[in-house]
Amino acid sequence: MHSGLTHLSGFWCFRISTLPVATCAADGDSMEKSGSSMQLTRAADYAVRVMICLATLPDHERTLLPALANATGAPRSFLSKVLQALSRAELISSRRGQLGGFEILPRGRQASVREVIEAIDGPIYLNVCVMSGKSCGRKSWCPAHPIWVQAQAAMLEVLNAAMIADLAVQAATTVLSQPTSDTNLVNKK
């Protein structure tokens, strides 16, 4: 898994992605590269971008959907659904009208990347056998099971440790060292 800041539409956004992995062809004779199926949904990726973007704003400042879409590189119609889910999870608030927009709530500012992803996609599980309450008949003798448990724990540890507020500070510091952007995110009250 790779993580880092990516510059999109004049704004720095955090990205999490996986690299292509080598897989065996069905006949076992050749190897070819394919995209990994272990990756974030597009909605979760946009949610993390939005939360970092909103967390770079001062407390109680709002921004409009078009500015967020521009800053995160997300289509407005799709981003609208992501913002609704973040609002339902009480990580952000929205207000209609001339002085409206989207604002990060204190809970959202202090959220981990895991909390943001789970607000969009629900609990993160690397494999069915690591889900609590689910049982796999192979669990007791499967040589891969301990690997999935270890990988699950490592992934959650990284996502729990990555805090939106910290990433926003990192993003703001990076943006300050870049040429001035024409993107104005703040919708003053």
Protein backbone atom coordinates (compact mmCIF):
# COMPACT_ATOMS: atom_id res chain seq x y z
CA MET A 1 0.00 0.00 0.00
CA HIS A 2 1.32 3.46 -0.90
CA SER A 3 0.29 6.64 0.81
CA GLY A 4 1.26 10.22 0.28
CA LEU A 5 0.22 13.61 -0.91
CA THR A 6 -0.77 14.12 -4.51
CA HIS A 7 -1.28 17.48 -6.18
CA LEU A 8 -4.72 17.73 -7.78
CA SER A 9 -6.24 20.81 -9.33
CA GLY A 10 -4.09 23.19 -7.36
CA PHE A 11 -4.51 21.41 -4.03
CA TRP A 12 -2.53 18.73 -2.23
CA CYS A 13 -4.52 15.62 -1.38
CA PHE A 14 -3.61 12.43 0.45
CA ARG A 15 -3.79 9.25 -1.60
CA ILE A 16 -3.83 5.61 -0.65
CA SER A 17 -3.46 3.04 -3.40
CA THR A 18 -2.04 -0.37 -4.17
CA LEU A 19 0.53 -1.32 -6.77
CA PRO A 20 -0.15 -3.81 -9.54
CA VAL A 21 0.76 -7.30 -8.45
CA ALA A 22 2.04 -10.27 -10.40
CA THR A 23 -0.48 -13.07 -10.70
CA CYS A 24 -0.25 -16.52 -12.21
CA ALA A 25 -2.19 -17.15 -15.38
CA ALA A 26 -4.72 -19.98 -15.31
CA ASP A 27 -2.35 -22.36 -17.07
CA GLY A 28 0.45 -21.58 -14.61
CA ASP A 29 2.98 -21.03 -17.42
CA SER A 30 3.13 -17.26 -17.50
CA MET A 31 2.92 -14.25 -15.21
CA GLU A 32 1.13 -11.05 -16.08
CA LYS A 33 0.50 -7.82 -14.22
CA SER A 34 -2.99 -6.98 -13.10
CA GLY A 35 -4.52 -4.39 -10.83
CA SER A 36 -4.96 -5.44 -7.23
CA SER A 37 -8.47 -6.07 -5.98
CA MET A 38 -7.37 -4.97 -2.50
CA GLN A 39 -7.94 -1.27 -2.86
CA LEU A 40 -10.09 1.52 -1.53
CA THR A 41 -13.35 2.32 -3.22
CA ARG A 42 -13.35 5.54 -5.17
CA ALA A 43 -15.86 6.96 -2.67
CA ALA A 44 -13.56 6.26 0.29
CA ASP A 45 -10.60 7.81 -1.53
CA TYR A 46 -12.62 10.96 -2.25
CA ALA A 47 -13.83 11.03 1.37
CA VAL A 48 -10.27 11.03 2.69
CA ARG A 49 -9.34 13.79 0.22
CA VAL A 50 -12.36 15.89 1.26
CA MET A 51 -11.70 15.48 4.96
CA ILE A 52 -8.07 16.57 4.59
CA CYS A 53 -9.14 19.49 2.43
CA LEU A 54 -11.78 20.62 4.94
CA ALA A 55 -9.39 20.16 7.85
CA THR A 56 -6.95 22.62 6.27
CA LEU A 57 -9.57 25.35 6.68
CA PRO A 58 -9.87 27.33 9.92
CA ASP A 59 -12.50 26.19 12.42
CA HIS A 60 -16.07 27.09 11.42
CA GLU A 61 -15.14 27.94 7.83
CA ARG A 62 -17.28 26.45 5.08
CA THR A 63 -16.63 25.72 1.44
CA LEU A 64 -18.93 24.95 -1.46
CA LEU A 65 -19.27 21.73 -3.43
CA PRO A 66 -17.68 23.12 -6.63
CA ALA A 67 -14.55 24.19 -4.72
CA LEU A 68 -14.30 20.79 -3.02
CA ALA A 69 -14.78 18.98 -6.32
CA ASN A 70 -12.06 21.10 -7.91
CA ALA A 71 -9.66 20.66 -4.98
CA THR A 72 -10.12 16.89 -4.77
CA GLY A 73 -10.49 16.05 -8.45
CA ALA A 74 -13.84 14.37 -7.79
CA PRO A 75 -16.95 14.71 -9.99
CA ARG A 76 -19.54 16.95 -8.28
CA SER A 77 -22.43 14.50 -8.56
CA PHE A 78 -20.40 11.67 -7.04
CA LEU A 79 -18.80 13.90 -4.41
CA SER A 80 -22.26 15.02 -3.30
CA LYS A 81 -23.07 11.44 -2.26
CA VAL A 82 -19.74 11.14 -0.42
CA LEU A 83 -20.44 14.39 1.44
CA GLN A 84 -23.90 13.12 2.45
CA ALA A 85 -22.34 9.98 3.94
CA LEU A 86 -19.73 12.04 5.83
CA SER A 87 -22.51 14.26 7.14
CA ARG A 88 -24.56 11.23 8.29
CA ALA A 89 -21.44 9.99 10.11
CA GLU A 90 -21.27 13.41 11.81
CA LEU A 91 -17.77 14.10 10.52
CA ILE A 92 -18.88 17.19 8.58
CA SER A 93 -21.90 19.45 8.52
CA SER A 94 -23.64 21.06 5.60
CA ARG A 95 -25.68 24.20 5.34
CA ARG A 96 -27.77 25.44 2.44
CA GLY A 97 -28.02 28.97 1.20
CA GLN A 98 -25.80 31.86 0.19
CA LEU A 99 -23.55 31.46 3.24
CA GLY A 100 -23.82 27.69 3.21
CA GLY A 101 -21.40 24.97 2.35
CA PHE A 102 -19.55 22.16 4.04
CA GLU A 103 -17.64 22.42 7.29
CA ILE A 104 -15.59 19.85 9.15
CA LEU A 105 -16.83 19.12 12.66
CA PRO A 106 -14.45 18.69 15.61
CA ARG A 107 -15.07 14.93 15.52
CA GLY A 108 -14.11 14.90 11.83
CA ARG A 109 -10.97 16.93 12.40
CA GLN A 110 -9.85 14.39 15.04
CA ALA A 111 -10.91 11.33 13.00
CA SER A 112 -8.51 8.69 11.76
CA VAL A 113 -8.33 7.70 8.11
CA ARG A 114 -9.91 4.41 9.16
CA GLU A 115 -12.95 6.22 10.60
CA VAL A 116 -13.39 8.16 7.37
CA ILE A 117 -13.14 5.05 5.20
CA GLU A 118 -15.55 3.15 7.43
CA ALA A 119 -18.02 6.05 7.32
CA ILE A 120 -18.23 5.43 3.58
CA ASP A 121 -17.66 1.70 3.13
CA GLY A 122 -18.35 0.16 6.52
CA PRO A 123 -15.86 -2.02 8.39
CA ILE A 124 -12.61 -2.82 6.59
CA TYR A 125 -11.79 -6.51 6.28
CA LEU A 126 -8.94 -7.94 4.26
CA ASN A 127 -10.59 -11.35 4.10
CA VAL A 128 -13.82 -12.94 5.33
CA CYS A 129 -11.90 -15.10 7.81
CA VAL A 130 -10.79 -12.03 9.81
CA MET A 131 -14.33 -10.71 10.31
CA SER A 132 -15.57 -11.01 13.87
CA GLY A 133 -18.56 -13.29 14.15
CA LYS A 134 -17.78 -15.00 10.84
CA SER A 135 -16.30 -18.43 10.80
CA CYS A 136 -14.27 -20.12 8.15
CA GLY A 137 -14.10 -23.90 8.17
CA ARG A 138 -10.47 -23.67 7.04
CA LYS A 139 -9.38 -21.24 9.78
CA SER A 140 -7.93 -23.86 12.15
CA TRP A 141 -5.67 -25.49 9.58
CA CYS A 142 -5.26 -22.90 6.81
CA PRO A 143 -1.61 -21.80 6.55
CA ALA A 144 -2.69 -18.44 5.07
CA HIS A 145 -5.02 -17.50 7.95
CA PRO A 146 -2.27 -16.17 10.26
CA ILE A 147 -1.00 -14.05 7.36
CA TRP A 148 -4.45 -12.50 6.84
CA VAL A 149 -4.75 -11.81 10.57
CA GLN A 150 -1.31 -10.18 10.65
CA ALA A 151 -1.96 -8.16 7.48
CA GLN A 152 -5.37 -7.03 8.80
CA ALA A 153 -3.82 -5.86 12.06
CA ALA A 154 -1.00 -4.02 10.26
CA MET A 155 -3.41 -2.30 7.86
CA LEU A 156 -5.72 -1.17 10.66
CA GLU A 157 -2.76 0.03 12.72
CA VAL A 158 -1.61 2.28 9.85
CA LEU A 159 -5.12 3.60 9.14
CA ASN A 160 -5.82 4.21 12.85
CA ALA A 161 -2.54 6.11 13.24
CA ALA A 162 -3.14 8.38 10.24
CA MET A 163 -5.13 11.28 11.68
CA ILE A 164 -7.00 13.76 9.49
CA ALA A 165 -5.72 16.73 11.54
CA ASP A 166 -2.10 15.61 11.10
CA LEU A 167 -2.54 15.05 7.38
CA ALA A 168 -4.14 18.49 7.04
CA VAL A 169 -1.13 20.11 8.72
CA GLN A 170 1.13 18.20 6.36
CA ALA A 171 -1.01 19.23 3.37
CA ALA A 172 -1.10 22.89 4.42
CA THR A 173 2.67 22.95 4.92
CA THR A 174 3.19 21.41 1.49
CA VAL A 175 0.76 23.85 -0.14
CA LEU A 176 2.51 26.83 1.47
CA SER A 177 5.75 25.79 -0.19
CA GLN A 178 4.08 25.61 -3.62
CA PRO A 179 3.20 28.43 -6.05
CA THR A 180 -0.05 30.22 -5.21
CA SER A 181 -3.19 28.38 -6.26
CA ASP A 182 -6.22 30.09 -7.76
CA THR A 183 -8.55 27.74 -5.88
CA ASN A 184 -10.46 29.61 -3.17
CA LEU A 185 -11.98 27.06 -0.83
CA VAL A 186 -13.39 29.29 1.91
CA ASN A 187 -17.00 30.46 1.86
CA LYS A 188 -17.02 33.22 4.47
CA LYS A 189 -19.95 33.45 6.87
